[in-house]
Every structure is written in structure tokens, then in C-alpha cells.
């Protein structure tokens, strides 16, 4: 075959592949077309142009504001700044109620003076400490801890307030107004606390069991009145 014939043959091979002319456009079927479209849209320029979740949320909020109308006046464009300010203030108040108020309560609780001792523990933590002391046979410490747990629990529930200088009997007197049926048990509990705390007498297992039972009952009892301990001297 001459050189001219070889050149013509190469030209024909270059135009046809497996019997299909190369200059004939390829028409994909529906599944293949969708796959090509997905691959094209997955490229970086298209991905960067997509709206983010913040864009969609902002647009939805603006659309909602623009949809607000007032009877007889049509669109509320002049009211949009006022509505926006009100919504922002509502969000701030909700945030403070969710996060600020609990922190403030924790700070107040941390500064609570319980019968001459600054104690940052919760009533549950004091109750756990009392149970641990009882398990080891230290009934005096167990009595002290469970009485403190009782006082902390009522203070945290705002049934009454405990302030510096409040004694065990002050607490019992005020707590009796909130729980009249438990008055005798509260007085006995204050006696037990003073005896093991200040008179250095040894607590007993019956002492602890009585205090623990009282603490458990008052923990779930509904108070008759909410009485601050600060007013205890008036009764």
C-alpha cells in the first residue's frame, strides 16, 4: 500500500471508533444524563454558589416579616424594625432565663452559710456524705451531714432562707411554720445537731435514722407556707 493509501486509511480510523463516527454527537439516555448533571453540579464553582443553612434561615425570617400585615394598611414595612427589636429582646430574655438565672442561683447557693460553715455542696451531695459516714459507723458526722442536707434542701426550694447567724433551732422554728405536722421532729432534729456539733456528744444510729427519715419526708412534702428564716424572730 502506498503512503497516500496509508494516510487515507488513518484518516478513516480517526473518524470512526467501533463503527461510530467521532463527529456524531452522543445523546445519553435519561439515567446517564442525570448522572452527568450530578457530576457537573458537584464541581466546586456550583457547590460554592449554593445557599448555606444560615442564608436559608435568614431569608425565611425576612419573608415572614414581610408577610406581616396590619388591617387596612397593607404591608408592615415601617413596623419591621420594631418587630425585629422585640424579637431580639425576647431572645435575650429567653437566653437569660435558660443560662443566666441558673448561674445566679448557683452563685447564691455557693455563698450559703449553713450554721456557721460556708458550704457549697448541694443537698444531694450532703445526703451522700451522710450515707457514707453512716456506712463507716461515724454516726455523729452522719447526723450533722443529714441535718445540713435538710436545711439546704428547704433553702434551695425557697421554702425558707438560711442566713449567717441562723442557728439549728432558728431553722427548726421557721421550718415548723411550713410543716406544722413535723414540728416535734424538727425540734428534736435541732437538738440532735446541737448535741453532736457543739456539745461534742456522740451521735447514735437511732439519731441518724430519725434525721434521715425526717429529711426524706420533707424533701417531697408540700409546705403550708413559704416563710423566710429572716423573719423567724417575729414568731
C-alpha atoms as a PDB file:
ATOM      1  CA  UNK A   1       0.000   0.000   0.000  1.00  0.00           C
ATOM      2  CA  UNK A   2       1.315   3.399  -0.916  1.00  0.00           C
ATOM      3  CA  UNK A   3       1.943   6.215   1.535  1.00  0.00           C
ATOM      4  CA  UNK A   4      -1.118   8.016   0.225  1.00  0.00           C
ATOM      5  CA  UNK A   5      -3.273   4.957   0.887  1.00  0.00           C
ATOM      6  CA  UNK A   6      -1.969   4.628   4.449  1.00  0.00           C
ATOM      7  CA  UNK A   7      -2.757   8.266   5.155  1.00  0.00           C
ATOM      8  CA  UNK A   8      -6.305   7.880   3.869  1.00  0.00           C
ATOM      9  CA  UNK A   9      -6.798   4.734   5.989  1.00  0.00           C
ATOM     10  CA  UNK A  10      -5.545   6.526   9.122  1.00  0.00           C
ATOM     11  CA  UNK A  11      -7.967   9.368   8.492  1.00  0.00           C
ATOM     12  CA  UNK A  12     -10.868   6.942   8.311  1.00  0.00           C
ATOM     13  CA  UNK A  13      -9.816   5.178  11.544  1.00  0.00           C
ATOM     14  CA  UNK A  14      -9.507   8.519  13.287  1.00  0.00           C
ATOM     15  CA  UNK A  15     -13.079   9.469  12.326  1.00  0.00           C
ATOM     16  CA  UNK A  16     -14.642   6.176  13.368  1.00  0.00           C
ATOM     17  CA  UNK A  17     -14.388   4.293  16.665  1.00  0.00           C
ATOM     18  CA  UNK A  18     -16.095   0.936  16.846  1.00  0.00           C
ATOM     19  CA  UNK A  19     -18.193   1.872  13.899  1.00  0.00           C
ATOM     20  CA  UNK A  20     -19.424   5.203  15.336  1.00  0.00           C
ATOM     21  CA  UNK A  21     -18.298   8.424  13.651  1.00  0.00           C
ATOM     22  CA  UNK A  22     -16.486  10.697  16.110  1.00  0.00           C
ATOM     23  CA  UNK A  23     -18.132  13.846  14.809  1.00  0.00           C
ATOM     24  CA  UNK A  24     -21.624  12.478  15.520  1.00  0.00           C
ATOM     25  CA  UNK A  25     -22.936  13.933  18.856  1.00  0.00           C
ATOM     26  CA  UNK A  26     -23.607  11.403  21.644  1.00  0.00           C
ATOM     27  CA  UNK A  27     -27.134  11.571  23.101  1.00  0.00           C
ATOM     28  CA  UNK A  28     -27.252   9.933  26.601  1.00  0.00           C
ATOM     29  CA  UNK A  29     -30.292   8.182  27.937  1.00  0.00           C
ATOM     30  CA  UNK A  30     -32.179   9.597  30.963  1.00  0.00           C
ATOM     31  CA  UNK A  31     -30.197   7.841  33.769  1.00  0.00           C
ATOM     32  CA  UNK A  32     -26.881   8.745  32.180  1.00  0.00           C
ATOM     33  CA  UNK A  33     -27.987  12.355  31.707  1.00  0.00           C
ATOM     34  CA  UNK A  34     -28.930  12.623  35.383  1.00  0.00           C
ATOM     35  CA  UNK A  35     -25.554  11.189  36.374  1.00  0.00           C
ATOM     36  CA  UNK A  36     -23.758  13.724  34.162  1.00  0.00           C
ATOM     37  CA  UNK A  37     -25.802  16.530  35.714  1.00  0.00           C
ATOM     38  CA  UNK A  38     -24.982  15.400  39.255  1.00  0.00           C
ATOM     39  CA  UNK A  39     -21.276  15.226  38.420  1.00  0.00           C
ATOM     40  CA  UNK A  40     -21.375  18.684  36.898  1.00  0.00           C
ATOM     41  CA  UNK A  41     -23.220  20.254  39.855  1.00  0.00           C
ATOM     42  CA  UNK A  42     -20.797  18.618  42.296  1.00  0.00           C
ATOM     43  CA  UNK A  43     -17.947  20.711  40.942  1.00  0.00           C
ATOM     44  CA  UNK A  44     -16.513  23.430  43.212  1.00  0.00           C
ATOM     45  CA  UNK A  45     -17.993  26.511  41.458  1.00  0.00           C
ATOM     46  CA  UNK A  46     -21.536  25.156  41.784  1.00  0.00           C
ATOM     47  CA  UNK A  47     -21.034  23.995  45.407  1.00  0.00           C
ATOM     48  CA  UNK A  48     -19.733  27.423  46.437  1.00  0.00           C
ATOM     49  CA  UNK A  49     -22.807  29.102  44.955  1.00  0.00           C
ATOM     50  CA  UNK A  50     -25.277  27.044  46.996  1.00  0.00           C
ATOM     51  CA  UNK A  51     -27.026  28.917  49.856  1.00  0.00           C
ATOM     52  CA  UNK A  52     -25.978  27.877  53.352  1.00  0.00           C
ATOM     53  CA  UNK A  53     -28.388  26.959  56.153  1.00  0.00           C
ATOM     54  CA  UNK A  54     -27.890  30.450  57.580  1.00  0.00           C
ATOM     55  CA  UNK A  55     -28.812  32.010  54.235  1.00  0.00           C
ATOM     56  CA  UNK A  56     -31.982  29.928  54.068  1.00  0.00           C
ATOM     57  CA  UNK A  57     -32.933  30.688  57.680  1.00  0.00           C
ATOM     58  CA  UNK A  58     -32.317  34.415  57.238  1.00  0.00           C
ATOM     59  CA  UNK A  59     -34.349  34.514  54.055  1.00  0.00           C
ATOM     60  CA  UNK A  60     -37.192  32.605  55.687  1.00  0.00           C
ATOM     61  CA  UNK A  61     -37.192  35.053  58.608  1.00  0.00           C
ATOM     62  CA  UNK A  62     -37.218  38.072  56.286  1.00  0.00           C
ATOM     63  CA  UNK A  63     -40.008  36.543  54.214  1.00  0.00           C
ATOM     64  CA  UNK A  64     -42.028  36.019  57.376  1.00  0.00           C
ATOM     65  CA  UNK A  65     -41.504  39.619  58.487  1.00  0.00           C
ATOM     66  CA  UNK A  66     -42.533  40.926  55.076  1.00  0.00           C
ATOM     67  CA  UNK A  67     -45.656  38.787  55.163  1.00  0.00           C
ATOM     68  CA  UNK A  68     -46.925  40.545  58.292  1.00  0.00           C
ATOM     69  CA  UNK A  69     -49.821  42.863  57.566  1.00  0.00           C
ATOM     70  CA  UNK A  70     -51.981  45.184  59.569  1.00  0.00           C
ATOM     71  CA  UNK A  71     -55.701  45.518  58.953  1.00  0.00           C
ATOM     72  CA  UNK A  72     -56.435  48.155  56.326  1.00  0.00           C
ATOM     73  CA  UNK A  73     -52.857  49.332  55.811  1.00  0.00           C
ATOM     74  CA  UNK A  74     -51.250  46.569  53.799  1.00  0.00           C
ATOM     75  CA  UNK A  75     -47.578  45.784  54.355  1.00  0.00           C
ATOM     76  CA  UNK A  76     -45.878  46.462  57.677  1.00  0.00           C
ATOM     77  CA  UNK A  77     -42.555  47.724  56.316  1.00  0.00           C
ATOM     78  CA  UNK A  78     -42.471  50.603  58.799  1.00  0.00           C
ATOM     79  CA  UNK A  79     -43.041  48.147  61.642  1.00  0.00           C
ATOM     80  CA  UNK A  80     -40.248  45.749  60.717  1.00  0.00           C
ATOM     81  CA  UNK A  81     -37.544  47.436  62.867  1.00  0.00           C
ATOM     82  CA  UNK A  82     -39.863  47.415  65.888  1.00  0.00           C
ATOM     83  CA  UNK A  83     -40.746  43.771  65.375  1.00  0.00           C
ATOM     84  CA  UNK A  84     -37.070  42.891  64.974  1.00  0.00           C
ATOM     85  CA  UNK A  85     -36.146  44.694  68.207  1.00  0.00           C
ATOM     86  CA  UNK A  86     -38.943  42.943  70.102  1.00  0.00           C
ATOM     87  CA  UNK A  87     -37.792  39.558  68.823  1.00  0.00           C
ATOM     88  CA  UNK A  88     -34.182  40.268  69.788  1.00  0.00           C
ATOM     89  CA  UNK A  89     -35.247  41.329  73.288  1.00  0.00           C
ATOM     90  CA  UNK A  90     -37.359  38.185  73.618  1.00  0.00           C
ATOM     91  CA  UNK A  91     -34.360  36.078  72.602  1.00  0.00           C
ATOM     92  CA  UNK A  92     -32.168  37.833  75.188  1.00  0.00           C
ATOM     93  CA  UNK A  93     -34.726  37.274  77.942  1.00  0.00           C
ATOM     94  CA  UNK A  94     -35.076  33.609  76.993  1.00  0.00           C
ATOM     95  CA  UNK A  95     -31.293  33.215  76.996  1.00  0.00           C
ATOM     96  CA  UNK A  96     -31.015  34.760  80.445  1.00  0.00           C
ATOM     97  CA  UNK A  97     -33.753  32.514  81.815  1.00  0.00           C
ATOM     98  CA  UNK A  98     -32.034  29.452  80.381  1.00  0.00           C
ATOM     99  CA  UNK A  99     -28.442  30.286  81.280  1.00  0.00           C
ATOM    100  CA  UNK A 100     -28.191  33.405  83.450  1.00  0.00           C
ATOM    101  CA  UNK A 101     -30.723  32.548  86.152  1.00  0.00           C
ATOM    102  CA  UNK A 102     -29.294  29.074  86.906  1.00  0.00           C
ATOM    103  CA  UNK A 103     -25.788  30.544  87.188  1.00  0.00           C
ATOM    104  CA  UNK A 104     -27.052  33.244  89.542  1.00  0.00           C
ATOM    105  CA  UNK A 105     -28.763  30.593  91.646  1.00  0.00           C
ATOM    106  CA  UNK A 106     -25.533  28.585  91.789  1.00  0.00           C
ATOM    107  CA  UNK A 107     -23.567  31.647  92.905  1.00  0.00           C
ATOM    108  CA  UNK A 108     -26.092  32.351  95.644  1.00  0.00           C
ATOM    109  CA  UNK A 109     -26.013  28.733  96.715  1.00  0.00           C
ATOM    110  CA  UNK A 110     -22.214  28.766  96.842  1.00  0.00           C
ATOM    111  CA  UNK A 111     -22.311  31.640  99.364  1.00  0.00           C
ATOM    112  CA  UNK A 112     -24.816  29.970 101.698  1.00  0.00           C
ATOM    113  CA  UNK A 113     -23.802  29.957 105.354  1.00  0.00           C
ATOM    114  CA  UNK A 114     -25.093  26.795 106.990  1.00  0.00           C
ATOM    115  CA  UNK A 115     -24.911  27.060 110.778  1.00  0.00           C
ATOM    116  CA  UNK A 116     -21.565  28.826 110.872  1.00  0.00           C
ATOM    117  CA  UNK A 117     -19.964  26.989 107.944  1.00  0.00           C
ATOM    118  CA  UNK A 118     -19.801  28.127 104.309  1.00  0.00           C
ATOM    119  CA  UNK A 119     -20.860  25.067 102.345  1.00  0.00           C
ATOM    120  CA  UNK A 120     -21.037  24.916  98.544  1.00  0.00           C
ATOM    121  CA  UNK A 121     -22.432  21.400  98.280  1.00  0.00           C
ATOM    122  CA  UNK A 122     -25.944  20.592  97.142  1.00  0.00           C
ATOM    123  CA  UNK A 123     -28.404  18.818  99.390  1.00  0.00           C
ATOM    124  CA  UNK A 124     -27.892  15.624  97.378  1.00  0.00           C
ATOM    125  CA  UNK A 125     -24.129  15.805  97.931  1.00  0.00           C
ATOM    126  CA  UNK A 126     -24.634  16.334 101.654  1.00  0.00           C
ATOM    127  CA  UNK A 127     -27.036  13.420 101.763  1.00  0.00           C
ATOM    128  CA  UNK A 128     -24.454  11.229 100.029  1.00  0.00           C
ATOM    129  CA  UNK A 129     -21.822  12.307 102.560  1.00  0.00           C
ATOM    130  CA  UNK A 130     -24.201  11.445 105.404  1.00  0.00           C
ATOM    131  CA  UNK A 131     -24.818   7.990 103.974  1.00  0.00           C
ATOM    132  CA  UNK A 132     -21.063   7.435 103.595  1.00  0.00           C
ATOM    133  CA  UNK A 133     -20.453   8.458 107.209  1.00  0.00           C
ATOM    134  CA  UNK A 134     -23.246   6.169 108.382  1.00  0.00           C
ATOM    135  CA  UNK A 135     -21.770   3.278 106.402  1.00  0.00           C
ATOM    136  CA  UNK A 136     -18.462   3.758 108.204  1.00  0.00           C
ATOM    137  CA  UNK A 137     -20.157   3.974 111.608  1.00  0.00           C
ATOM    138  CA  UNK A 138     -19.451   7.683 112.165  1.00  0.00           C
ATOM    139  CA  UNK A 139     -22.932   8.494 113.447  1.00  0.00           C
ATOM    140  CA  UNK A 140     -22.037  11.969 114.724  1.00  0.00           C
ATOM    141  CA  UNK A 141     -20.834  13.121 111.305  1.00  0.00           C
ATOM    142  CA  UNK A 142     -23.774  11.367 109.662  1.00  0.00           C
ATOM    143  CA  UNK A 143     -26.196  13.326 111.871  1.00  0.00           C
ATOM    144  CA  UNK A 144     -24.503  16.632 111.041  1.00  0.00           C
ATOM    145  CA  UNK A 145     -24.488  15.993 107.307  1.00  0.00           C
ATOM    146  CA  UNK A 146     -28.107  14.858 107.055  1.00  0.00           C
ATOM    147  CA  UNK A 147     -29.301  17.872 109.075  1.00  0.00           C
ATOM    148  CA  UNK A 148     -27.364  20.178 106.734  1.00  0.00           C
ATOM    149  CA  UNK A 149     -28.898  18.347 103.765  1.00  0.00           C
ATOM    150  CA  UNK A 150     -32.337  19.018 105.245  1.00  0.00           C
ATOM    151  CA  UNK A 151     -31.615  22.738 105.622  1.00  0.00           C
ATOM    152  CA  UNK A 152     -30.039  23.035 102.175  1.00  0.00           C
ATOM    153  CA  UNK A 153     -32.938  21.259 100.520  1.00  0.00           C
ATOM    154  CA  UNK A 154     -35.561  23.576 102.025  1.00  0.00           C
ATOM    155  CA  UNK A 155     -33.461  26.649 101.190  1.00  0.00           C
ATOM    156  CA  UNK A 156     -32.984  25.539  97.577  1.00  0.00           C
ATOM    157  CA  UNK A 157     -36.741  25.041  97.257  1.00  0.00           C
ATOM    158  CA  UNK A 158     -37.268  28.591  98.596  1.00  0.00           C
ATOM    159  CA  UNK A 159     -39.396  27.206 101.418  1.00  0.00           C
ATOM    160  CA  UNK A 160     -37.270  29.289 103.778  1.00  0.00           C
ATOM    161  CA  UNK A 161     -33.984  31.180 103.777  1.00  0.00           C
ATOM    162  CA  UNK A 162     -30.809  30.474 105.703  1.00  0.00           C
ATOM    163  CA  UNK A 163     -28.641  33.472 106.555  1.00  0.00           C
ATOM    164  CA  UNK A 164     -25.420  33.960 108.548  1.00  0.00           C
ATOM    165  CA  UNK A 165     -26.170  33.600 112.245  1.00  0.00           C
ATOM    166  CA  UNK A 166     -29.097  31.236 111.759  1.00  0.00           C
ATOM    167  CA  UNK A 167     -28.969  28.508 114.388  1.00  0.00           C
ATOM    168  CA  UNK A 168     -30.332  25.000 114.174  1.00  0.00           C
ATOM    169  CA  UNK A 169     -33.244  25.931 116.449  1.00  0.00           C
ATOM    170  CA  UNK A 170     -33.972  29.092 114.412  1.00  0.00           C
ATOM    171  CA  UNK A 171     -34.187  26.876 111.366  1.00  0.00           C
ATOM    172  CA  UNK A 172     -36.431  24.352 113.130  1.00  0.00           C
ATOM    173  CA  UNK A 173     -38.773  27.093 114.372  1.00  0.00           C
ATOM    174  CA  UNK A 174     -39.216  28.559 110.910  1.00  0.00           C
ATOM    175  CA  UNK A 175     -39.484  25.186 109.201  1.00  0.00           C
ATOM    176  CA  UNK A 176     -42.264  24.252 111.625  1.00  0.00           C
ATOM    177  CA  UNK A 177     -44.415  27.041 110.149  1.00  0.00           C
ATOM    178  CA  UNK A 178     -44.056  25.475 106.704  1.00  0.00           C
ATOM    179  CA  UNK A 179     -44.531  21.915 108.017  1.00  0.00           C
ATOM    180  CA  UNK A 180     -46.633  22.107 111.203  1.00  0.00           C
ATOM    181  CA  UNK A 181     -47.151  18.351 111.425  1.00  0.00           C
ATOM    182  CA  UNK A 182     -43.376  17.854 111.646  1.00  0.00           C
ATOM    183  CA  UNK A 183     -42.822  20.437 114.394  1.00  0.00           C
ATOM    184  CA  UNK A 184     -41.789  17.982 117.159  1.00  0.00           C
ATOM    185  CA  UNK A 185     -39.488  16.070 114.815  1.00  0.00           C
ATOM    186  CA  UNK A 186     -37.834  19.313 113.675  1.00  0.00           C
ATOM    187  CA  UNK A 187     -37.211  20.407 117.271  1.00  0.00           C
ATOM    188  CA  UNK A 188     -35.705  17.013 118.083  1.00  0.00           C
ATOM    189  CA  UNK A 189     -33.537  17.204 114.952  1.00  0.00           C
ATOM    190  CA  UNK A 190     -32.174  20.606 116.020  1.00  0.00           C
ATOM    191  CA  UNK A 191     -31.401  19.205 119.484  1.00  0.00           C
ATOM    192  CA  UNK A 192     -29.517  16.299 117.928  1.00  0.00           C
ATOM    193  CA  UNK A 193     -27.492  18.594 115.667  1.00  0.00           C
ATOM    194  CA  UNK A 194     -26.509  20.900 118.533  1.00  0.00           C
ATOM    195  CA  UNK A 195     -25.621  17.924 120.716  1.00  0.00           C
ATOM    196  CA  UNK A 196     -23.230  16.295 118.229  1.00  0.00           C
ATOM    197  CA  UNK A 197     -21.935  19.539 116.716  1.00  0.00           C
ATOM    198  CA  UNK A 198     -21.365  21.829 119.682  1.00  0.00           C
ATOM    199  CA  UNK A 199     -21.614  19.686 122.809  1.00  0.00           C
ATOM    200  CA  UNK A 200     -19.381  17.034 121.210  1.00  0.00           C
ATOM    201  CA  UNK A 201     -21.659  14.233 122.277  1.00  0.00           C
ATOM    202  CA  UNK A 202     -21.573  11.044 120.253  1.00  0.00           C
ATOM    203  CA  UNK A 203     -24.408  10.529 117.825  1.00  0.00           C
ATOM    204  CA  UNK A 204     -26.141   7.187 117.596  1.00  0.00           C
ATOM    205  CA  UNK A 205     -27.628   5.146 114.822  1.00  0.00           C
ATOM    206  CA  UNK A 206     -31.219   5.852 116.005  1.00  0.00           C
ATOM    207  CA  UNK A 207     -30.387   9.588 115.947  1.00  0.00           C
ATOM    208  CA  UNK A 208     -29.247   9.343 112.348  1.00  0.00           C
ATOM    209  CA  UNK A 209     -32.163   7.166 111.254  1.00  0.00           C
ATOM    210  CA  UNK A 210     -34.654   9.655 112.703  1.00  0.00           C
ATOM    211  CA  UNK A 211     -32.947  12.590 110.968  1.00  0.00           C
ATOM    212  CA  UNK A 212     -32.720  10.714 107.659  1.00  0.00           C
ATOM    213  CA  UNK A 213     -36.410   9.811 107.795  1.00  0.00           C
ATOM    214  CA  UNK A 214     -37.346  13.441 108.504  1.00  0.00           C
ATOM    215  CA  UNK A 215     -35.171  14.703 105.636  1.00  0.00           C
ATOM    216  CA  UNK A 216     -36.733  12.198 103.224  1.00  0.00           C
ATOM    217  CA  UNK A 217     -40.282  13.158 104.262  1.00  0.00           C
ATOM    218  CA  UNK A 218     -39.753  16.916 103.983  1.00  0.00           C
ATOM    219  CA  UNK A 219     -37.906  16.556 100.691  1.00  0.00           C
ATOM    220  CA  UNK A 220     -41.159  15.592  98.975  1.00  0.00           C
ATOM    221  CA  UNK A 221     -43.651  17.300 101.307  1.00  0.00           C
ATOM    222  CA  UNK A 222     -45.639  20.362 100.241  1.00  0.00           C
ATOM    223  CA  UNK A 223     -45.091  23.309 102.615  1.00  0.00           C
ATOM    224  CA  UNK A 224     -48.084  25.044 104.145  1.00  0.00           C
ATOM    225  CA  UNK A 225     -46.455  28.469 103.812  1.00  0.00           C
ATOM    226  CA  UNK A 226     -43.262  29.869 102.361  1.00  0.00           C
ATOM    227  CA  UNK A 227     -41.569  31.546 105.299  1.00  0.00           C
ATOM    228  CA  UNK A 228     -38.140  33.243 105.181  1.00  0.00           C
ATOM    229  CA  UNK A 229     -35.945  32.462 108.129  1.00  0.00           C
ATOM    230  CA  UNK A 230     -35.042  36.134 108.306  1.00  0.00           C
ATOM    231  CA  UNK A 231     -38.441  36.732 109.931  1.00  0.00           C
ATOM    232  CA  UNK A 232     -38.030  33.960 112.483  1.00  0.00           C
ATOM    233  CA  UNK A 233     -37.670  36.425 115.342  1.00  0.00           C
ATOM    234  CA  UNK A 234     -41.189  37.761 114.817  1.00  0.00           C
ATOM    235  CA  UNK A 235     -42.882  34.485 115.768  1.00  0.00           C
END
